[in-house]
Protein backbone atom coordinates (compact mmCIF):
# COMPACT_ATOMS: atom_id res chain seq x y z
CA MET A 1 110.10 145.20 108.51
CA GLY A 2 106.45 145.40 109.16
CA ARG A 3 105.98 142.70 107.08
CA LEU A 4 108.51 140.62 108.98
CA VAL A 5 106.81 141.03 111.85
CA LEU A 6 103.35 140.20 110.99
CA GLY A 7 104.86 137.20 108.88
CA SER A 8 106.88 136.04 112.03
CA LEU A 9 103.49 136.60 114.17
CA SER A 10 101.25 134.63 111.67
CA LEU A 11 103.77 132.19 111.42
CA THR A 12 103.38 131.52 115.40
CA ALA A 13 100.09 131.65 115.62
CA LEU A 14 99.75 129.39 112.75
CA LEU A 15 101.91 126.76 114.45
CA LEU A 16 100.05 127.17 118.31
CA ALA A 17 97.02 126.13 116.61
CA CYS A 18 98.17 123.39 115.71
CA LEU A 19 99.28 122.08 119.19
CA PRO A 20 97.41 119.62 120.80
CA THR A 21 94.97 120.49 123.48
CA GLU A 22 95.23 117.12 125.08
CA PRO A 23 98.31 116.96 127.72
CA CYS A 24 99.31 113.88 125.39
CA ALA A 25 97.98 113.38 121.97
CA CYS A 26 99.86 110.28 121.49
CA LEU A 27 97.76 106.98 120.54
CA GLU A 28 96.52 105.26 122.95
CA ALA A 29 98.94 102.01 124.12
CA PRO A 30 97.97 98.84 122.71
CA ALA A 31 95.82 96.38 124.86
CA SER A 32 98.58 93.11 125.93
CA PHE A 33 98.35 90.27 127.91
CA LEU A 34 101.68 88.16 129.09
CA VAL A 35 101.85 84.65 128.60
CA PHE A 36 104.38 82.31 129.61
CA GLY A 37 105.18 78.69 130.69
CA SER A 38 106.96 75.40 129.43
CA VAL A 39 106.55 72.93 126.93
CA GLN A 40 107.59 69.11 127.28
CA ARG A 41 106.85 65.74 126.49
CA ALA A 42 104.90 63.07 128.43
CA GLY A 43 108.04 61.70 130.20
CA GLY A 44 109.27 65.61 131.32
CA ALA A 45 111.84 66.28 129.31
CA PRO A 46 111.89 69.64 127.62
CA VAL A 47 110.66 70.38 124.18
CA ALA A 48 113.47 72.44 122.80
CA GLY A 49 112.76 74.92 120.23
CA ALA A 50 108.95 74.25 120.29
CA ARG A 51 106.72 76.73 118.50
CA VAL A 52 103.68 77.89 121.00
CA ARG A 53 100.87 79.72 118.90
CA PHE A 54 98.47 81.91 120.68
CA ASN A 55 94.87 82.96 118.93
CA VAL A 56 92.98 85.46 121.04
CA SER A 57 88.98 85.68 119.68
CA SER A 58 85.80 87.41 121.34
CA PRO A 59 83.64 85.12 123.82
CA ALA A 60 80.69 84.07 122.24
CA GLY A 61 78.63 84.37 125.31
CA SER A 62 79.52 86.44 128.67
CA THR A 63 81.95 83.10 129.40
CA LEU A 64 81.99 80.91 126.69
CA CYS A 65 85.07 79.99 124.65
CA ASP A 66 84.60 77.73 122.08
CA SER A 67 87.56 77.87 119.05
CA GLY A 68 85.28 76.15 116.76
CA THR A 69 82.80 79.60 116.46
CA ASN A 70 85.35 82.07 117.32
CA SER A 71 87.21 83.32 114.99
CA PRO A 72 90.54 84.74 115.83
CA LEU A 73 91.25 88.34 116.59
CA LEU A 74 94.85 87.89 116.41
CA GLU A 75 97.41 85.33 116.33
CA SER A 76 100.63 85.60 118.26
CA GLU A 77 103.69 83.37 117.84
CA VAL A 78 106.48 82.63 120.19
CA THR A 79 109.82 80.07 119.75
CA ALA A 80 110.42 78.05 123.40
CA ALA A 81 114.30 78.37 124.79
CA THR A 82 116.12 75.03 124.93
CA ASP A 83 114.97 74.55 128.24
CA GLY A 84 111.27 74.50 127.00
CA ARG A 85 110.59 77.55 128.56
CA PHE A 86 108.44 80.65 126.69
CA ARG A 87 106.70 83.74 127.30
CA SER A 88 105.11 85.91 125.41
CA LEU A 89 103.53 89.65 125.61
CA VAL A 90 100.45 89.35 123.32
CA ARG A 91 99.52 92.97 122.08
CA SER A 92 96.48 93.85 121.01
CA MET A 93 94.55 96.88 119.00
CA VAL A 94 91.21 95.10 119.72
CA GLY A 95 91.00 96.93 122.52
CA ALA A 96 90.67 95.97 126.68
CA GLY A 97 88.25 93.66 128.15
CA GLN A 98 88.10 89.86 128.45
CA TYR A 99 88.88 87.44 125.68
CA CYS A 100 89.20 83.95 125.00
CA LEU A 101 92.95 82.65 124.02
CA ARG A 102 94.03 78.85 122.48
CA ALA A 103 97.45 78.35 122.89
CA VAL A 104 98.81 75.52 120.36
CA ALA A 105 102.43 73.87 120.57
CA PHE A 106 104.22 72.40 117.63
CA ALA A 107 107.15 70.18 118.79
CA GLY A 108 108.70 71.07 115.10
CA THR A 109 107.35 73.03 112.70
CA VAL A 110 103.78 74.74 112.67
CA GLY A 111 101.39 72.56 111.56
CA ALA A 112 103.60 68.81 112.44
CA SER A 113 101.59 66.21 114.41
CA ASP A 114 102.57 66.16 117.59
CA SER A 115 101.32 69.11 119.74
CA ALA A 116 99.29 69.92 122.48
CA VAL A 117 96.63 72.18 123.04
CA VAL A 118 95.27 74.64 125.41
CA ASP A 119 91.55 76.04 124.52
CA GLY A 120 89.11 77.99 126.36
CA LEU A 121 90.68 80.30 129.27
CA ILE A 122 89.38 83.64 129.13
CA VAL A 123 92.09 86.03 129.74
CA GLN A 124 92.08 89.82 130.71
CA PHE A 125 93.52 92.28 128.48
CA ARG A 126 94.73 95.64 129.98
CA ARG A 127 95.50 98.78 128.24
CA GLY A 128 98.02 101.57 129.73
CA ALA A 129 100.79 102.12 132.19
CA ASP A 130 98.97 98.99 134.26
CA ARG A 131 101.11 96.15 134.32
CA PRO A 132 99.08 93.36 131.84
CA ASP A 133 97.46 90.45 133.55
CA SER A 134 99.24 87.05 132.64
CA LEU A 135 98.85 83.48 132.53
CA GLY A 136 101.74 80.70 133.16
CA ILE A 137 100.45 77.65 131.46
CA SER A 138 102.41 74.07 130.34
CA LEU A 139 101.77 71.99 127.64
CA THR A 140 102.71 68.35 127.29
CA ILE A 141 103.35 66.98 123.88
CA PRO A 142 102.85 63.33 123.94
């Protein structure tokens, strides 16, 4: 009987030693940024099903975004609805802070000749329970 009690106490002590000492042993939430907007033709007609690709990179300088010299840290893509509107929560494990955002909209498949680009945007990725920062953009495809 003594061995059973001693074994139970040892097992309990081992389990307690493995418990986290922090209030939460969870991984930190990824940094995120909300991008929303619309894709339309030059005449104002929405582009249904347009594909919008986002590239996120680090600024080359404190406030300089140049997609030609900055290699992307992450890429994300979303398909616009029938009314041309899109919304995407871009998540990143690179950390919170300021990053460069490049958005490219394609009227058909990615790489199609009909496209529109918005480049050089400086955005703020936030981490945790706070509401993410957001940016609304309108992309016009010729």
